[in-house]
Structure formats: C-alpha cells, structure tokens
Amino acid sequence: MKRFFIMLCVLFVHFQSNGQILEDFSFQNPDIQNADTLTLQQVFAVINANHPKLQVSELGVQSAKASVLSAWGRLDPAINGEITSKNETDKFKQQTAMAELSIPIFWGQKISASWKRNIGLFDQDNSTSLNGESSIGISFPLWRNILIDKNRAAILKAEQLPTIADAAIIENRNELFLKSSEKYWEWSGALMKYSIAKNLMRLAEIRLSGIIEEHKKGERAKIDSIEMTQELLRRKGLLIKSRRDYEKAAIAVGQYIWNKDGTPALFPSDIVPTAMNEPLLISKLTYANDKEKALKTRPEISQIRGEISMADIETQLTNELWKPDINVKFAPFNTQSFQNGSQQIDYKIGVQAEMPLLLRNANGVKQQAEVKQQSLQLKESLLLRTISAEIDDATSELIASYQQYIAAKQENNAAIQMENAERQLLIQGESSLFTVNLRERFSAESAGRVVDALIQYHKAFSMYQWSIAGF
C-alpha cells in the first residue's frame, strides 16, 4: 500500500511538472483578468484603415476619377499651326502661315478661331494681305448628335465609374467585416471554452489533492486515486485542445490586422476578445424595414445600376446612327482687299450632310447595345431576388440560433443542477466518484454547447448585418 501511494504521488508530481512545461512553451496562455481586450469595432477600424484589399479598392476609385478626367479631355481646346513655303525652279511661288484654335462644346457645337496669311504670285483668290486674315466660326448639328454624341456619351459613361468604384469599396468592406467578425466570435467562443476546460481542470486538481489526503488517512481506496488521476489526465488533454483552438482562432483574427504601410501587423499574444453578449431577436418591423432598405442600398445593386446607366447611354448613342448627319458651319472673317487695301467683314457658310445607305453598322451596333441592356436588366432582377433570399436566410438562421441558445442554456442549467445534486449525494455517501466526474463532464459539455450556440448566433447576426449592408 505504501509503495502504491508513493507511485501515485510521483505520477501526480510528474503530471504537474509536464503541465507546467506545456504552459511555458505554449503560444498563448490567455488570462482574462489581466489581459487587454480587443473589441470587434477596433478590428473593423483597423481593417477599414489599413487592409490591402480596401486600399486596392481606393485605387479603383482614383482610376475611375482619372477616367472621368480623361473623358472630359475630349472637350479640351486644341491649337494647331502651320507654316509652308513653296518655290519652283528657284523662284518664289507661295508662302502660307496658319494658326487655329478649336473649342468643342458639350452639347455638340464647336467653336473655332483662326488666322491665316497666304502670300502668292498666282492664286489671288486664296491670297491675303500681309496682315493676314482672321475669322471666328461655329458649327452645330441639325439632326444627328443633337441629343447625344460620342463626346457626351463618353463623359456620361465615365461619370458612372466613381459610383461603381465606391460601391466596390463598400462591397469589399462588407465582405471583410463579415469574415473578420466570424473569426472574432470564434476567437471569443474559444476563450470561453478554454475557461470552461480550465475550470473543469481546477475541479479535478482539487478533488485529486483531497483524495490523496484521504488516502493518507486510510479513508479512501486506492482505486479512487487511480480513477481521479485518469480523469485529471483526460481533462488536461481537453484543456490543451481548448488552448490550441483558442490559439488557432487568434491567428485567424490576426490575419485581418495590417499596418498602414501595407505590411502585416504583429498580433499581440497578451490580448483577448470581449465576451459575447446575450442574444436578442429583431422585430418583424425591423426586419421589414431593413429588407426594404437593403434592396435599394446593397452595393451590388449600385454597381449593376451603374452598369445599366452606361448601357442606356450606349443605346441612346446608337439611336443617333439612324439619323442623317447634317452640320451647319458659319464663320465670319475680316479681310483686306488685295487691290485697294480696304477692310471689310465677309463670311463663310456651309452645310455638310452624310447618310449611310444600308445602315448595317447602325443596326448591328444598336442590337448589341439592346442585348447588353436587356442582359443587365435580367442580372438586376436575379440580383434582387438573390439579395432578398440572403436576407431571409440570414433572418431564419438568426432566429434558429437564438432558439438553439435558449435550448442549450436550459440544458446547461439542468446539467448544473444534476452536477450539484450528484456532488451532494457523494458527500452523503449515496453516489460514486465516477458518477460525479461524469456529471461534471456532462455539465462542461453542455456549457460548451451554450458557447457554440452563442458563436452561431453572433455569426448569424453578422451575416444578417452583411445581408442588409448594415456594417
């Protein structure tokens, strides 16, 4: 008996020392009381400020704004000039100098101002005085390109790009907030499960120490010591596993933490998540209002509607191809008579007309624009239905997870009552050590199911927030 008691003590000391080694070399040993907390909103703030995916999206906004600037560049004034001199058989024949400023107008008109000087010996009709000839003129469409033209279409389409890029930022942010919140709640739940396992381990250590003392006094059989040591080792394994789960969850959250310069930030090992709040159900009115708002404000809807607007502009432009292209040009100019040098104001006026005969290009381009427009409208209808289903599914999951939590909480309360009752029976000598250990194990397992239900609820709530673009 004495030998057995010595061996049991050695086993217990060996077990405790091995446990200490595991604690020393663990990645994290969470201490809820002394550690700083990291809230989910702080995680969101860091993601919003530093995450590379959002920085890429910000570059997309800059690119969209650059596209708008480039489109407006179609209306930039342009100046051109030319100087030529013509000699034949070593004799001067003609010298020409010309400068012109053209200014396109948004509504399709074009203003031009020019100066030219043409000094020649033969072509008197094109010749000017030494001071040259200046003119200002305007051209405007009479039929085609009145409502819209290529320049206006390019500008109007480009102006949709920043809206689409902004929606892409919101979409990416929502995705990152959803995924990070899911990892965060797994991290928070893992800490709660670690605490449960640690408390279960503490009970086993206290009970084993008491049994050893009772064994010394001859009040306990040796089988109780062996059974309790076995239970202690089982709970130690569960504690190690729960700590590993906590470390794994912390690493997953740390992947969303970045520095401002785009480098991964070092996730502190002495930081813990906040505890999960008690679940609450949303009302039917809140659900209805959120759904109605989401069907208008989800970023995917903003993107598809921006693309539909661009397709509408293309369709409007193709409708112009069926019209005759008729332009009027009018340009008054001042000149000096070549014969007597008198000044006078003259003008030039002209009409230009063009009309394709078969209209195959116009017909093909219009059909392509209409197909694209119809395709985007169908995608919008599909997207609206998908979003509606996502909101309904997230709401259903939220309700189910709440109900699961209530059931798990009730089960846990019953398990705790049975655990306390069984422990009291043990004190009275009406139960066994095995049964008490089993009751404690059942109680811890039910507490774990409560944590699982909490995790599922908070993840479901995050999914609901994502579905209504509520982040």
Protein backbone atom coordinates (compact mmCIF):
# COMPACT_ATOMS: atom_id res chain seq x y z
CA MET A 1 0.00 0.00 0.00
CA LYS A 2 2.81 2.38 0.88
CA ARG A 3 4.56 1.65 -2.43
CA PHE A 4 1.36 2.35 -4.31
CA PHE A 5 0.89 5.65 -2.51
CA ILE A 6 4.46 6.74 -3.35
CA MET A 7 3.99 5.79 -7.01
CA LEU A 8 0.74 7.73 -7.11
CA CYS A 9 2.39 10.83 -5.67
CA VAL A 10 5.25 10.55 -8.19
CA LEU A 11 2.72 10.24 -11.00
CA PHE A 12 0.85 13.32 -9.79
CA VAL A 13 4.06 15.39 -9.46
CA HIS A 14 5.24 14.23 -12.89
CA PHE A 15 1.92 15.17 -14.37
CA GLN A 16 2.00 18.61 -12.79
CA SER A 17 5.56 19.28 -13.99
CA ASN A 18 4.71 18.23 -17.55
CA GLY A 19 1.72 20.52 -17.41
CA GLN A 20 3.99 23.40 -16.39
CA ILE A 21 6.29 22.72 -19.35
CA LEU A 22 3.32 22.83 -21.71
CA GLU A 23 2.24 26.14 -20.20
CA ASP A 24 5.72 27.63 -20.57
CA PHE A 25 6.09 26.68 -24.22
CA SER A 26 2.52 27.41 -25.32
CA PHE A 27 1.85 30.03 -27.96
CA GLN A 28 -0.69 31.76 -25.77
CA ASN A 29 -1.91 31.29 -22.24
CA PRO A 30 -4.96 33.56 -22.11
CA ASP A 31 -5.52 35.40 -18.87
CA ILE A 32 -8.90 37.07 -18.89
CA GLN A 33 -8.40 39.14 -15.78
CA ASN A 34 -5.02 40.72 -16.59
CA ALA A 35 -5.08 40.93 -20.40
CA ASP A 36 -6.15 43.88 -22.51
CA THR A 37 -9.22 43.40 -24.70
CA LEU A 38 -9.60 43.91 -28.42
CA THR A 39 -13.16 44.81 -29.43
CA LEU A 40 -14.75 43.91 -32.74
CA GLN A 41 -15.18 47.60 -33.56
CA GLN A 42 -11.44 48.10 -33.11
CA VAL A 43 -10.82 45.25 -35.54
CA PHE A 44 -13.20 46.91 -38.01
CA ALA A 45 -11.40 50.24 -37.61
CA VAL A 46 -8.01 48.69 -38.38
CA ILE A 47 -9.42 46.83 -41.38
CA ASN A 48 -11.10 49.95 -42.72
CA ALA A 49 -7.91 51.99 -42.37
CA ASN A 50 -5.18 49.55 -43.39
CA HIS A 51 -6.40 46.40 -45.13
CA PRO A 52 -4.71 45.98 -48.56
CA LYS A 53 -7.94 44.86 -50.23
CA LEU A 54 -9.60 48.15 -49.32
CA GLN A 55 -6.51 50.07 -50.38
CA VAL A 56 -6.76 48.38 -53.79
CA SER A 57 -10.42 49.43 -53.92
CA GLU A 58 -9.40 53.00 -53.12
CA LEU A 59 -7.04 52.86 -56.07
CA GLY A 60 -10.03 51.77 -58.15
CA VAL A 61 -11.82 54.99 -57.15
CA GLN A 62 -8.78 57.02 -58.18
CA SER A 63 -8.73 55.18 -61.51
CA ALA A 64 -12.43 55.92 -62.02
CA LYS A 65 -11.86 59.62 -61.34
CA ALA A 66 -8.97 59.58 -63.80
CA SER A 67 -11.30 58.05 -66.40
CA VAL A 68 -13.76 60.92 -65.85
CA LEU A 69 -10.95 63.43 -66.30
CA SER A 70 -9.85 61.66 -69.47
CA ALA A 71 -13.41 61.68 -70.83
CA TRP A 72 -13.75 65.40 -70.24
CA GLY A 73 -10.45 65.75 -72.08
CA ARG A 74 -12.42 65.13 -75.30
CA LEU A 75 -13.66 68.71 -74.92
CA ASP A 76 -10.21 70.22 -74.37
CA PRO A 77 -9.45 73.18 -76.65
CA ALA A 78 -6.83 72.42 -79.30
CA ILE A 79 -4.50 74.70 -81.18
CA ASN A 80 -2.57 73.90 -84.30
CA GLY A 81 -0.41 75.90 -86.68
CA GLU A 82 1.45 75.52 -89.93
CA ILE A 83 4.00 77.47 -91.96
CA THR A 84 4.85 76.46 -95.51
CA SER A 85 6.79 77.98 -98.35
CA LYS A 86 6.74 76.88 -101.97
CA ASN A 87 9.48 77.53 -104.54
CA GLU A 88 9.65 76.28 -108.11
CA THR A 89 12.77 76.41 -110.32
CA ASP A 90 14.50 78.56 -107.71
CA LYS A 91 11.68 81.10 -107.81
CA PHE A 92 9.34 82.08 -105.02
CA LYS A 93 5.78 80.98 -105.66
CA GLN A 94 3.83 80.93 -102.38
CA GLN A 95 4.16 81.29 -98.60
CA THR A 96 1.48 80.24 -96.10
CA ALA A 97 1.15 80.66 -92.32
CA MET A 98 -1.87 79.42 -90.37
CA ALA A 99 -2.98 79.09 -86.71
CA GLU A 100 -6.30 77.76 -85.42
CA LEU A 101 -7.94 77.32 -82.02
CA SER A 102 -10.87 74.88 -81.82
CA ILE A 103 -13.12 74.53 -78.79
CA PRO A 104 -15.61 71.61 -78.66
CA ILE A 105 -18.81 72.35 -76.72
CA PHE A 106 -20.53 69.75 -74.51
CA TRP A 107 -23.83 69.96 -76.42
CA GLY A 108 -22.25 69.12 -79.77
CA GLN A 109 -21.26 72.53 -81.12
CA LYS A 110 -17.74 73.52 -82.00
CA ILE A 111 -16.25 76.99 -81.91
CA SER A 112 -13.14 77.85 -83.86
CA ALA A 113 -10.92 80.90 -84.19
CA SER A 114 -8.25 81.07 -86.84
CA TRP A 115 -5.74 83.32 -88.56
CA LYS A 116 -4.03 82.73 -91.86
CA ARG A 117 -1.74 84.54 -94.22
CA ASN A 118 -1.18 83.37 -97.76
CA ILE A 119 1.21 85.34 -99.95
CA GLY A 120 1.43 84.10 -103.52
CA LEU A 121 2.00 85.38 -107.03
CA PHE A 122 -0.70 83.46 -108.84
CA ASP A 123 -3.68 82.29 -106.76
CA GLN A 124 -5.19 85.68 -105.94
CA ASP A 125 -8.39 84.14 -104.54
CA ASN A 126 -6.55 82.46 -101.68
CA SER A 127 -4.05 85.24 -101.16
CA THR A 128 -4.33 87.57 -98.18
CA SER A 129 -2.74 90.81 -97.15
CA LEU A 130 0.50 90.89 -95.23
CA ASN A 131 -1.54 91.28 -92.01
CA GLY A 132 -3.36 88.04 -92.75
CA GLU A 133 -6.99 87.08 -92.33
CA SER A 134 -8.69 86.28 -89.00
CA SER A 135 -12.00 84.54 -88.50
CA ILE A 136 -14.21 83.03 -85.82
CA GLY A 137 -16.83 80.43 -86.54
CA ILE A 138 -19.21 77.87 -85.15
CA SER A 139 -20.52 74.53 -86.39
CA PHE A 140 -23.51 72.69 -84.97
CA PRO A 141 -25.53 69.59 -85.84
CA LEU A 142 -29.06 69.86 -87.24
CA TRP A 143 -30.25 66.28 -86.82
CA ARG A 144 -27.80 63.61 -85.65
CA ASN A 145 -25.87 64.21 -82.40
CA ILE A 146 -28.29 66.83 -81.08
CA LEU A 147 -29.48 64.73 -78.12
CA ILE A 148 -26.16 62.95 -77.57
CA ASP A 149 -22.87 62.40 -79.33
CA LYS A 150 -19.70 60.39 -78.76
CA ASN A 151 -18.13 63.01 -76.51
CA ARG A 152 -21.18 63.38 -74.29
CA ALA A 153 -21.66 59.61 -74.18
CA ALA A 154 -18.05 59.05 -73.11
CA ILE A 155 -18.37 61.66 -70.36
CA LEU A 156 -21.72 60.41 -69.07
CA LYS A 157 -20.50 56.80 -69.03
CA ALA A 158 -17.27 57.75 -67.29
CA GLU A 159 -19.21 59.63 -64.61
CA GLN A 160 -20.83 56.33 -63.61
CA LEU A 161 -17.45 54.76 -62.85
CA PRO A 162 -16.81 56.51 -59.49
CA THR A 163 -20.23 55.35 -58.26
CA ILE A 164 -19.40 51.78 -59.27
CA ALA A 165 -15.95 52.04 -57.66
CA ASP A 166 -17.42 53.43 -54.42
CA ALA A 167 -19.89 50.54 -54.36
CA ALA A 168 -16.98 48.12 -54.84
CA ILE A 169 -15.30 49.58 -51.73
CA ILE A 170 -18.48 49.08 -49.70
CA GLU A 171 -18.86 45.54 -51.03
CA ASN A 172 -15.28 44.63 -50.15
CA ARG A 173 -15.59 46.28 -46.75
CA ASN A 174 -18.78 44.35 -46.00
CA GLU A 175 -17.10 41.09 -47.01
CA LEU A 176 -14.07 41.80 -44.82
CA PHE A 177 -16.22 42.83 -41.86
CA LEU A 178 -18.33 39.68 -42.22
CA LYS A 179 -15.36 37.30 -42.40
CA SER A 180 -13.41 39.05 -39.65
CA SER A 181 -16.44 39.15 -37.34
CA GLU A 182 -17.00 35.42 -37.84
CA LYS A 183 -13.37 34.75 -36.90
CA TYR A 184 -13.65 37.16 -33.98
CA TRP A 185 -16.67 35.37 -32.50
CA GLU A 186 -14.92 32.03 -32.93
CA TRP A 187 -11.99 33.56 -31.03
CA SER A 188 -14.29 34.84 -28.28
CA GLY A 189 -16.03 31.47 -28.05
CA ALA A 190 -12.71 29.65 -27.94
CA LEU A 191 -11.71 31.76 -24.93
CA MET A 192 -14.95 30.85 -23.17
CA LYS A 193 -14.39 27.15 -23.89
CA TYR A 194 -10.81 27.47 -22.62
CA SER A 195 -12.18 28.93 -19.38
CA ILE A 196 -14.65 26.05 -19.08
CA ALA A 197 -11.87 23.50 -19.60
CA LYS A 198 -9.62 25.33 -17.16
CA ASN A 199 -12.34 25.37 -14.51
CA LEU A 200 -13.02 21.68 -15.11
CA MET A 201 -9.31 21.01 -14.72
CA ARG A 202 -9.19 23.00 -11.48
CA LEU A 203 -12.01 20.92 -10.00
CA ALA A 204 -10.14 17.73 -10.83
CA GLU A 205 -6.91 19.01 -9.27
CA ILE A 206 -8.70 19.98 -6.06
CA ARG A 207 -10.51 16.67 -5.89
CA LEU A 208 -7.34 14.65 -6.56
CA SER A 209 -5.49 16.54 -3.83
CA GLY A 210 -8.32 15.78 -1.40
CA ILE A 211 -8.38 12.12 -2.36
CA ILE A 212 -4.62 11.87 -1.80
CA GLU A 213 -5.03 13.36 1.67
CA GLU A 214 -7.89 10.98 2.41
CA HIS A 215 -5.78 8.11 1.12
CA LYS A 216 -3.05 9.03 3.56
CA LYS A 217 -5.58 8.71 6.38
CA GLY A 218 -6.86 5.43 5.03
CA GLU A 219 -10.27 6.88 4.25
CA ARG A 220 -10.09 6.21 0.51
CA ALA A 221 -9.47 3.13 -1.57
CA LYS A 222 -6.59 3.21 -4.00
CA ILE A 223 -8.97 2.73 -6.94
CA ASP A 224 -10.38 6.23 -6.28
CA SER A 225 -6.92 7.74 -6.65
CA ILE A 226 -6.32 5.92 -9.94
CA GLU A 227 -9.75 6.88 -11.26
CA MET A 228 -9.29 10.55 -10.34
CA THR A 229 -5.80 10.62 -11.87
CA GLN A 230 -7.25 9.19 -15.07
CA GLU A 231 -9.97 11.84 -15.04
CA LEU A 232 -7.38 14.55 -14.43
CA LEU A 233 -5.33 13.42 -17.41
CA ARG A 234 -8.44 13.36 -19.59
CA ARG A 235 -9.29 16.90 -18.58
CA LYS A 236 -5.71 18.01 -19.14
CA GLY A 237 -5.97 16.77 -22.72
CA LEU A 238 -9.21 18.73 -23.17
CA LEU A 239 -7.52 21.83 -21.73
CA ILE A 240 -4.64 21.55 -24.18
CA LYS A 241 -7.06 21.11 -27.07
CA SER A 242 -9.14 24.12 -26.00
CA ARG A 243 -5.99 26.23 -25.74
CA ARG A 244 -4.95 25.13 -29.21
CA ASP A 245 -8.40 26.07 -30.52
CA TYR A 246 -8.02 29.48 -28.91
CA GLU A 247 -4.58 29.99 -30.46
CA LYS A 248 -5.88 28.93 -33.86
CA ALA A 249 -8.79 31.37 -33.63
CA ALA A 250 -6.46 34.19 -32.53
CA ILE A 251 -4.18 33.55 -35.51
CA ALA A 252 -7.21 33.69 -37.83
CA VAL A 253 -8.23 37.09 -36.43
CA GLY A 254 -4.65 38.34 -36.66
CA GLN A 255 -4.69 37.85 -40.43
CA TYR A 256 -7.03 40.85 -40.70
CA ILE A 257 -4.71 43.19 -38.78
CA TRP A 258 -2.40 45.27 -41.00
CA ASN A 259 -0.12 48.27 -40.65
CA LYS A 260 -0.70 51.49 -42.57
CA ASP A 261 2.23 50.74 -44.88
CA GLY A 262 0.56 47.54 -46.07
CA THR A 263 2.69 45.15 -44.02
CA PRO A 264 1.15 42.54 -41.69
CA ALA A 265 0.88 43.80 -38.12
CA LEU A 266 2.15 41.75 -35.19
CA PHE A 267 -0.86 40.43 -33.32
CA PRO A 268 -0.23 40.73 -29.55
CA SER A 269 -0.28 37.45 -27.68
CA ASP A 270 -1.44 39.10 -24.43
CA ILE A 271 -4.73 40.40 -25.80
CA VAL A 272 -8.14 38.76 -25.53
CA PRO A 273 -11.54 39.31 -27.18
CA THR A 274 -14.57 40.71 -25.46
CA ALA A 275 -17.24 38.37 -24.18
CA MET A 276 -20.27 37.66 -26.32
CA ASN A 277 -23.48 39.42 -25.34
CA GLU A 278 -26.74 37.68 -24.66
CA PRO A 279 -28.72 37.03 -27.87
CA LEU A 280 -31.64 39.28 -28.82
CA LEU A 281 -34.24 38.82 -31.53
CA ILE A 282 -35.09 41.51 -34.06
CA SER A 283 -38.71 42.51 -34.52
CA LYS A 284 -40.76 41.88 -37.65
CA LEU A 285 -40.92 45.63 -38.27
CA THR A 286 -37.13 45.96 -38.07
CA TYR A 287 -36.73 43.03 -40.46
CA ALA A 288 -39.20 44.54 -42.95
CA ASN A 289 -37.55 47.99 -42.84
CA ASP A 290 -34.05 46.53 -43.13
CA LYS A 291 -35.05 44.42 -46.12
CA GLU A 292 -36.71 47.31 -47.92
CA LYS A 293 -33.66 49.49 -47.37
CA ALA A 294 -31.21 46.75 -48.37
CA LEU A 295 -32.96 46.20 -51.70
CA LYS A 296 -32.07 49.78 -52.53
CA THR A 297 -28.69 50.26 -50.90
CA ARG A 298 -26.77 46.99 -51.25
CA PRO A 299 -23.51 47.86 -53.06
CA GLU A 300 -24.08 45.15 -55.66
CA ILE A 301 -27.29 46.93 -56.68
CA SER A 302 -25.46 50.25 -57.02
CA GLN A 303 -22.89 48.55 -59.24
CA ILE A 304 -25.39 46.84 -61.54
CA ARG A 305 -27.47 50.01 -61.84
CA GLY A 306 -24.38 51.99 -62.73
CA GLU A 307 -23.69 49.47 -65.50
CA ILE A 308 -27.34 49.73 -66.64
CA SER A 309 -27.00 53.52 -66.85
CA MET A 310 -23.91 53.10 -69.01
CA ALA A 311 -25.80 50.67 -71.25
CA ASP A 312 -28.68 53.17 -71.53
CA ILE A 313 -26.24 55.82 -72.68
CA GLU A 314 -24.86 53.44 -75.31
CA THR A 315 -28.39 52.73 -76.53
CA GLN A 316 -29.14 56.46 -76.80
CA LEU A 317 -25.96 56.93 -78.80
CA THR A 318 -26.80 54.10 -81.22
CA ASN A 319 -30.21 55.67 -81.87
CA GLU A 320 -28.37 58.66 -83.33
CA LEU A 321 -26.76 56.46 -86.00
CA TRP A 322 -30.11 56.16 -87.79
CA LYS A 323 -30.32 59.91 -88.36
CA PRO A 324 -28.68 61.84 -91.22
CA ASP A 325 -25.51 63.59 -90.15
CA ILE A 326 -26.16 67.23 -91.10
CA ASN A 327 -23.92 70.02 -89.84
CA VAL A 328 -24.02 73.76 -90.46
CA LYS A 329 -20.86 75.83 -90.43
CA PHE A 330 -20.80 79.61 -90.23
CA ALA A 331 -17.61 81.68 -89.96
CA PRO A 332 -17.40 85.47 -90.38
CA PHE A 333 -13.92 86.78 -91.12
CA ASN A 334 -12.24 90.11 -91.77
CA THR A 335 -10.00 90.63 -94.75
CA GLN A 336 -8.19 93.38 -96.56
CA SER A 337 -8.77 93.89 -100.25
CA PHE A 338 -5.73 92.92 -102.23
CA GLN A 339 -6.31 95.67 -104.76
CA ASN A 340 -7.09 98.77 -102.65
CA GLY A 341 -6.28 97.63 -99.11
CA SER A 342 -9.78 98.37 -97.70
CA GLN A 343 -11.04 96.44 -94.64
CA GLN A 344 -14.32 94.51 -94.73
CA ILE A 345 -16.18 91.72 -92.94
CA ASP A 346 -17.03 88.67 -95.01
CA TYR A 347 -18.32 85.25 -94.04
CA LYS A 348 -18.29 81.64 -95.00
CA ILE A 349 -21.30 79.37 -94.63
CA GLY A 350 -21.67 75.72 -95.47
CA VAL A 351 -23.78 72.64 -94.93
CA GLN A 352 -22.39 69.14 -94.71
CA ALA A 353 -24.60 66.04 -94.95
CA GLU A 354 -23.87 62.33 -94.72
CA MET A 355 -26.20 59.33 -94.59
CA PRO A 356 -25.24 55.64 -94.89
CA LEU A 357 -27.48 53.78 -97.32
CA LEU A 358 -27.68 50.24 -95.88
CA LEU A 359 -27.39 51.15 -92.17
CA ARG A 360 -25.90 47.77 -91.35
CA ASN A 361 -23.40 49.26 -88.91
CA ALA A 362 -26.13 51.23 -87.15
CA ASN A 363 -28.40 48.20 -86.99
CA GLY A 364 -25.64 45.92 -85.63
CA VAL A 365 -24.42 48.41 -83.03
CA LYS A 366 -27.96 49.08 -81.85
CA GLN A 367 -28.72 45.37 -81.49
CA GLN A 368 -25.55 44.88 -79.44
CA ALA A 369 -26.46 47.77 -77.15
CA GLU A 370 -30.00 46.47 -76.66
CA VAL A 371 -28.77 42.94 -75.90
CA LYS A 372 -26.36 44.32 -73.31
CA GLN A 373 -29.10 46.44 -71.79
CA GLN A 374 -31.53 43.51 -71.54
CA SER A 375 -28.81 41.28 -70.10
CA LEU A 376 -28.04 43.76 -67.35
CA GLN A 377 -31.74 44.18 -66.53
CA LEU A 378 -32.09 40.41 -66.16
CA LYS A 379 -29.00 40.36 -63.93
CA GLU A 380 -30.56 43.09 -61.80
CA SER A 381 -33.75 41.05 -61.36
CA LEU A 382 -31.70 37.98 -60.44
CA LEU A 383 -29.59 40.04 -58.03
CA LEU A 384 -32.64 41.49 -56.29
CA ARG A 385 -34.07 38.03 -55.77
CA THR A 386 -30.72 36.71 -54.53
CA ILE A 387 -30.39 39.56 -52.04
CA SER A 388 -33.95 39.03 -50.83
CA ALA A 389 -33.20 35.33 -50.31
CA GLU A 390 -29.94 36.14 -48.48
CA ILE A 391 -31.78 38.43 -46.08
CA ASP A 392 -34.50 35.83 -45.46
CA ASP A 393 -31.91 33.09 -44.95
CA ALA A 394 -29.87 35.22 -42.54
CA THR A 395 -33.01 36.08 -40.59
CA SER A 396 -34.02 32.41 -40.41
CA GLU A 397 -30.54 31.49 -39.19
CA LEU A 398 -30.69 34.27 -36.60
CA ILE A 399 -33.99 33.01 -35.22
CA ALA A 400 -32.86 29.37 -35.21
CA SER A 401 -29.57 30.16 -33.48
CA TYR A 402 -31.43 32.16 -30.85
CA GLN A 403 -33.74 29.21 -30.20
CA GLN A 404 -30.76 26.85 -30.07
CA TYR A 405 -29.13 29.10 -27.50
CA ILE A 406 -32.26 29.07 -25.31
CA ALA A 407 -32.42 25.27 -25.51
CA ALA A 408 -28.69 24.92 -24.78
CA LYS A 409 -28.98 27.33 -21.86
CA GLN A 410 -31.85 25.34 -20.36
CA GLU A 411 -29.93 22.11 -20.85
CA ASN A 412 -26.90 23.61 -19.14
CA ASN A 413 -28.97 24.79 -16.19
CA ALA A 414 -30.35 21.28 -15.80
CA ALA A 415 -26.84 19.80 -16.08
CA ILE A 416 -25.55 22.15 -13.36
CA GLN A 417 -28.42 21.17 -11.09
CA MET A 418 -27.66 17.49 -11.64
CA GLU A 419 -23.95 18.13 -11.04
CA ASN A 420 -24.63 19.90 -7.74
CA ALA A 421 -27.13 17.25 -6.66
CA GLU A 422 -24.73 14.43 -7.51
CA ARG A 423 -21.94 16.14 -5.61
CA GLN A 424 -24.21 16.42 -2.58
CA LEU A 425 -25.05 12.73 -2.84
CA LEU A 426 -21.33 11.94 -2.91
CA ILE A 427 -20.83 13.85 0.32
CA GLN A 428 -23.68 11.83 1.83
CA GLY A 429 -22.14 8.59 0.58
CA GLU A 430 -25.01 7.87 -1.79
CA SER A 431 -23.09 8.36 -5.07
CA SER A 432 -19.73 7.47 -6.55
CA LEU A 433 -16.69 9.42 -7.70
CA PHE A 434 -17.20 8.12 -11.23
CA THR A 435 -20.75 9.48 -11.36
CA VAL A 436 -19.71 12.91 -10.05
CA ASN A 437 -16.92 13.13 -12.62
CA LEU A 438 -19.40 12.14 -15.28
CA ARG A 439 -21.89 14.78 -14.16
CA GLU A 440 -19.18 17.45 -14.22
CA ARG A 441 -18.16 16.32 -17.67
CA PHE A 442 -21.77 16.49 -18.89
CA SER A 443 -22.12 19.94 -17.37
CA ALA A 444 -18.95 21.16 -19.14
CA GLU A 445 -20.12 19.67 -22.43
CA SER A 446 -23.49 21.41 -22.11
CA ALA A 447 -21.69 24.67 -21.29
CA GLY A 448 -19.67 24.15 -24.47
CA ARG A 449 -22.91 23.78 -26.41
CA VAL A 450 -24.09 27.07 -24.94
CA VAL A 451 -20.90 28.68 -26.22
CA ASP A 452 -21.39 27.05 -29.64
CA ALA A 453 -24.92 28.44 -29.75
CA LEU A 454 -23.62 31.88 -28.80
CA ILE A 455 -20.99 31.73 -31.53
CA GLN A 456 -23.58 30.65 -34.07
CA TYR A 457 -25.94 33.43 -33.04
CA HIS A 458 -23.31 36.17 -33.32
CA LYS A 459 -22.10 34.79 -36.64
CA ALA A 460 -25.71 34.73 -37.84
CA PHE A 461 -26.14 38.32 -36.70
CA SER A 462 -23.00 39.28 -38.62
CA MET A 463 -24.43 37.55 -41.68
CA TYR A 464 -27.67 39.46 -41.20
CA GLN A 465 -25.75 42.74 -40.96
CA TRP A 466 -23.90 41.84 -44.16
CA SER A 467 -27.12 40.93 -45.98
CA ILE A 468 -28.68 44.32 -45.25
CA ALA A 469 -25.39 46.23 -45.80
CA GLY A 470 -25.54 47.23 -42.15
CA PHE A 471 -21.83 47.28 -41.34
